[in-house]
Structure formats: structure tokens, C-alpha cells
Amino acid sequence: MEMKKLIGNVLLTAGLVAGAITAARIPPMWGGLAASLVVMGAGIFLRRQGAKEELHRAAQSGTGGVRELERLIKESLEKLEKIMDAPREKVVEELTEILEELDEFAEKAQPLRIEGLMTYGTIMSVFSRGERALNRAWSAFADGYENEGRRYLRYGYDDLRETLQALKTLKV
């Protein structure tokens, strides 16, 4: 854990304890309660700053962020294009690999929160819809329902393309 977040946690905890002690007295020690609220506010502020800095570092180091996510989605789209008309057994095999690679997306997408929760929510919503469709496609193919599998394969492909488009709008 980063130092700012650690100090923030300590201040938040100390403020909570001090606030509980000062508020429990009869009569309450209003000055002490006000001071504990200020300490808690400082703790919350430091925690948020630390979290933002972690996200920025992750985005800059390449452990996440738009470039890495685009690469992941592009590779998955290329693999999906190759199996659209492939035999059922090949689709199941390749789709298994694609889904395993896409498992990384949610973790690597954390730095997108820097762009705002609406942006992060939009991208993750479209991505998760596509991932669910690909999981359904895998299940359908594995159970022998090829027509349904191909339909969901197409849905998943389209949603991943939409995810890629949403990521491209973030490039500055």
C-alpha cells in the first residue's frame, strides 16, 4: 500500500476513535468531535490522492490503460474473426484461449477510472456484455448447439468491437 493511503487510513481510524470517545461523553466534547471530523476528512483526502496516484502510475507503466486494453481487445477480435466459420471443435478450443486472455481486461481497466466513473462504467458495461455473449457461445458450442453458438459469437464480437471504439475515443 502506498504511503499516502496508509497515512490516510491511520488518520481516518484515529478520527473515528477520537470522534467516538468525544461524542460518548456527557455532555459531548463538541470541540473534540469537530477536530476528529477534520482529522477524518484529511484521512479521506489522503486516501483518495493515494488511489489516484496509483492509477496514474499503473496507466503510465503500461500495466493498464488505454494502449494495453486496445492491444488485448484487438488480439481477441483478430482471433474471433479467424474462428467465425471454423468447425465447432476448433471454435471451442480457440474461444477457451480468448476468454482466458480477456480475464485480464477488468484488472487492467482500473486506470480508466482516471477518466471518470461514467467513462469506466460505459466501457466495462459494453465489455462485460461481450464477454458474457462469448461465454454463452462457448457453452452453446460445447453442448452442440452450433447455431446458437454462432449467434452469440457474433454478439460477443460486435460488443468487443464497440468496446474498442469506446477505448479509441479516449486517446488524446
Protein backbone atom coordinates (compact mmCIF):
# COMPACT_ATOMS: atom_id res chain seq x y z
CA MET A 1 0.00 0.00 0.00
CA GLU A 2 1.26 3.43 -0.82
CA MET A 3 2.31 5.81 1.95
CA LYS A 4 -0.47 8.37 1.36
CA LYS A 5 -3.12 5.69 1.55
CA LEU A 6 -1.54 4.25 4.70
CA ILE A 7 -1.41 7.65 6.41
CA GLY A 8 -4.97 8.31 5.23
CA ASN A 9 -6.13 5.04 6.79
CA VAL A 10 -4.38 5.87 10.07
CA LEU A 11 -5.92 9.36 10.18
CA LEU A 12 -9.35 8.01 9.33
CA THR A 13 -9.14 5.39 12.06
CA ALA A 14 -7.77 7.85 14.62
CA GLY A 15 -10.52 10.33 13.74
CA LEU A 16 -13.20 7.67 14.13
CA VAL A 17 -11.90 6.54 17.51
CA ALA A 18 -11.44 10.10 18.78
CA GLY A 19 -14.87 11.06 17.48
CA ALA A 20 -16.50 8.12 19.21
CA ILE A 21 -14.77 8.92 22.51
CA THR A 22 -15.59 12.64 22.44
CA ALA A 23 -19.19 12.07 21.34
CA ALA A 24 -19.79 9.43 24.03
CA ARG A 25 -19.03 11.82 26.90
CA ILE A 26 -21.87 13.50 28.70
CA PRO A 27 -22.02 16.28 27.76
CA PRO A 28 -20.30 15.66 24.40
CA MET A 29 -16.99 17.43 23.82
CA TRP A 30 -18.04 19.35 20.72
CA GLY A 31 -14.59 20.81 20.08
CA GLY A 32 -13.01 17.36 20.16
CA LEU A 33 -15.73 16.00 17.88
CA ALA A 34 -15.14 18.81 15.38
CA ALA A 35 -11.39 18.17 15.47
CA SER A 36 -11.91 14.44 14.89
CA LEU A 37 -14.09 15.21 11.87
CA VAL A 38 -11.30 17.37 10.45
CA VAL A 39 -8.79 14.53 11.01
CA MET A 40 -11.17 12.07 9.31
CA GLY A 41 -11.60 14.46 6.37
CA ALA A 42 -7.82 14.70 5.99
CA GLY A 43 -7.62 10.90 6.07
CA ILE A 44 -10.23 10.55 3.35
CA PHE A 45 -8.47 13.18 1.23
CA LEU A 46 -5.10 11.41 1.53
CA ARG A 47 -6.63 8.02 0.73
CA ARG A 48 -8.20 9.39 -2.45
CA GLN A 49 -5.00 11.14 -3.50
CA GLY A 50 -3.03 7.93 -2.98
CA ALA A 51 -5.53 5.93 -5.01
CA LYS A 52 -5.38 8.46 -7.87
CA GLU A 53 -1.60 8.37 -7.90
CA GLU A 54 -1.66 4.56 -8.03
CA LEU A 55 -3.99 4.67 -11.03
CA HIS A 56 -1.79 7.20 -12.83
CA ARG A 57 1.32 5.11 -12.18
CA ALA A 58 -0.42 1.99 -13.49
CA ALA A 59 -1.51 3.82 -16.64
CA GLN A 60 1.99 5.20 -17.26
CA SER A 61 3.81 1.94 -16.57
CA GLY A 62 1.79 0.04 -19.16
CA THR A 63 0.21 -2.32 -16.63
CA GLY A 64 -3.12 -0.97 -17.71
CA GLY A 65 -4.61 1.95 -19.52
CA VAL A 66 -5.89 2.51 -22.99
CA ARG A 67 -2.94 1.17 -25.04
CA GLU A 68 -2.78 -2.13 -23.20
CA LEU A 69 -6.56 -2.58 -23.32
CA GLU A 70 -6.70 -1.80 -27.03
CA ARG A 71 -4.00 -4.38 -27.70
CA LEU A 72 -5.88 -7.00 -25.71
CA ILE A 73 -9.18 -6.33 -27.49
CA LYS A 74 -7.58 -6.15 -30.95
CA GLU A 75 -5.86 -9.50 -30.48
CA SER A 76 -9.12 -11.06 -29.32
CA LEU A 77 -11.02 -9.61 -32.28
CA GLU A 78 -8.43 -10.99 -34.72
CA LYS A 79 -8.72 -14.45 -33.18
CA LEU A 80 -12.53 -14.27 -33.24
CA GLU A 81 -12.51 -13.33 -36.92
CA LYS A 82 -10.50 -16.47 -37.68
CA ILE A 83 -12.99 -18.79 -35.97
CA MET A 84 -16.30 -17.30 -37.15
CA ASP A 85 -16.78 -20.08 -39.69
CA ALA A 86 -14.48 -22.70 -38.16
CA PRO A 87 -15.64 -26.17 -37.14
CA ARG A 88 -17.26 -26.47 -33.71
CA GLU A 89 -14.31 -28.19 -32.00
CA LYS A 90 -11.86 -25.51 -33.19
CA VAL A 91 -14.22 -22.75 -32.01
CA VAL A 92 -14.43 -24.25 -28.51
CA GLU A 93 -10.65 -24.61 -28.32
CA GLU A 94 -9.88 -21.08 -29.55
CA LEU A 95 -12.72 -19.48 -27.57
CA THR A 96 -11.32 -21.02 -24.40
CA GLU A 97 -8.00 -19.24 -25.01
CA ILE A 98 -9.69 -15.96 -25.92
CA LEU A 99 -11.82 -15.97 -22.77
CA GLU A 100 -8.76 -16.69 -20.61
CA GLU A 101 -6.96 -13.71 -22.14
CA LEU A 102 -9.98 -11.46 -21.66
CA ASP A 103 -9.98 -12.28 -17.93
CA GLU A 104 -7.16 -9.74 -17.59
CA PHE A 105 -9.24 -6.91 -19.02
CA ALA A 106 -11.14 -5.93 -15.86
CA GLU A 107 -7.98 -5.65 -13.78
CA LYS A 108 -6.09 -3.77 -16.47
CA ALA A 109 -9.04 -1.42 -16.95
CA GLN A 110 -8.75 0.03 -13.43
CA PRO A 111 -6.63 3.02 -14.59
CA LEU A 112 -9.58 4.07 -16.79
CA ARG A 113 -11.24 5.34 -13.62
CA ILE A 114 -8.95 8.35 -14.02
CA GLU A 115 -11.14 9.33 -16.97
CA GLY A 116 -14.21 9.28 -14.71
CA LEU A 117 -16.67 6.72 -13.49
CA MET A 118 -19.08 7.27 -16.38
CA THR A 119 -16.37 6.50 -18.93
CA TYR A 120 -15.17 3.50 -16.94
CA GLY A 121 -18.74 2.28 -16.46
CA THR A 122 -19.60 2.62 -20.14
CA ILE A 123 -16.54 0.71 -21.31
CA MET A 124 -16.89 -2.02 -18.70
CA SER A 125 -20.61 -2.39 -19.38
CA VAL A 126 -20.09 -2.98 -23.11
CA PHE A 127 -17.09 -5.22 -22.46
CA SER A 128 -18.88 -7.38 -19.88
CA ARG A 129 -21.86 -7.77 -22.22
CA GLY A 130 -19.48 -9.03 -24.91
CA GLU A 131 -17.67 -11.34 -22.52
CA ARG A 132 -21.00 -12.82 -21.37
CA ALA A 133 -22.00 -13.40 -25.01
CA LEU A 134 -18.71 -15.17 -25.69
CA ASN A 135 -19.19 -17.36 -22.61
CA ARG A 136 -22.68 -18.23 -23.86
CA ALA A 137 -21.23 -19.01 -27.28
CA TRP A 138 -18.66 -21.31 -25.70
CA SER A 139 -21.37 -23.10 -23.71
CA ALA A 140 -23.61 -23.47 -26.74
CA PHE A 141 -20.79 -24.86 -28.90
CA ALA A 142 -19.66 -27.18 -26.12
CA ASP A 143 -23.23 -28.50 -25.75
CA GLY A 144 -23.62 -28.99 -29.51
CA TYR A 145 -25.95 -26.03 -30.24
CA GLU A 146 -23.93 -24.66 -33.12
CA ASN A 147 -26.48 -22.15 -34.48
CA GLU A 148 -26.95 -20.57 -31.06
CA GLY A 149 -23.18 -20.60 -30.53
CA ARG A 150 -22.56 -18.75 -33.79
CA ARG A 151 -25.22 -16.17 -32.92
CA TYR A 152 -23.62 -15.43 -29.54
CA LEU A 153 -20.16 -15.48 -31.08
CA ARG A 154 -21.31 -12.67 -33.38
CA TYR A 155 -22.87 -10.75 -30.44
CA GLY A 156 -19.63 -11.03 -28.47
CA TYR A 157 -17.56 -9.97 -31.46
CA ASP A 158 -19.77 -6.92 -32.04
CA ASP A 159 -19.60 -5.91 -28.37
CA LEU A 160 -15.81 -6.20 -28.32
CA ARG A 161 -15.66 -4.00 -31.43
CA GLU A 162 -17.87 -1.49 -29.64
CA THR A 163 -15.51 -1.68 -26.64
CA LEU A 164 -12.56 -0.98 -28.93
CA GLN A 165 -14.35 2.02 -30.42
CA ALA A 166 -15.07 3.37 -26.92
CA LEU A 167 -11.41 2.94 -25.99
CA LYS A 168 -10.29 4.78 -29.13
CA THR A 169 -12.36 7.82 -28.16
CA LEU A 170 -10.21 8.12 -25.01
CA LYS A 171 -6.97 8.59 -26.94
CA VAL A 172 -5.70 12.08 -26.71
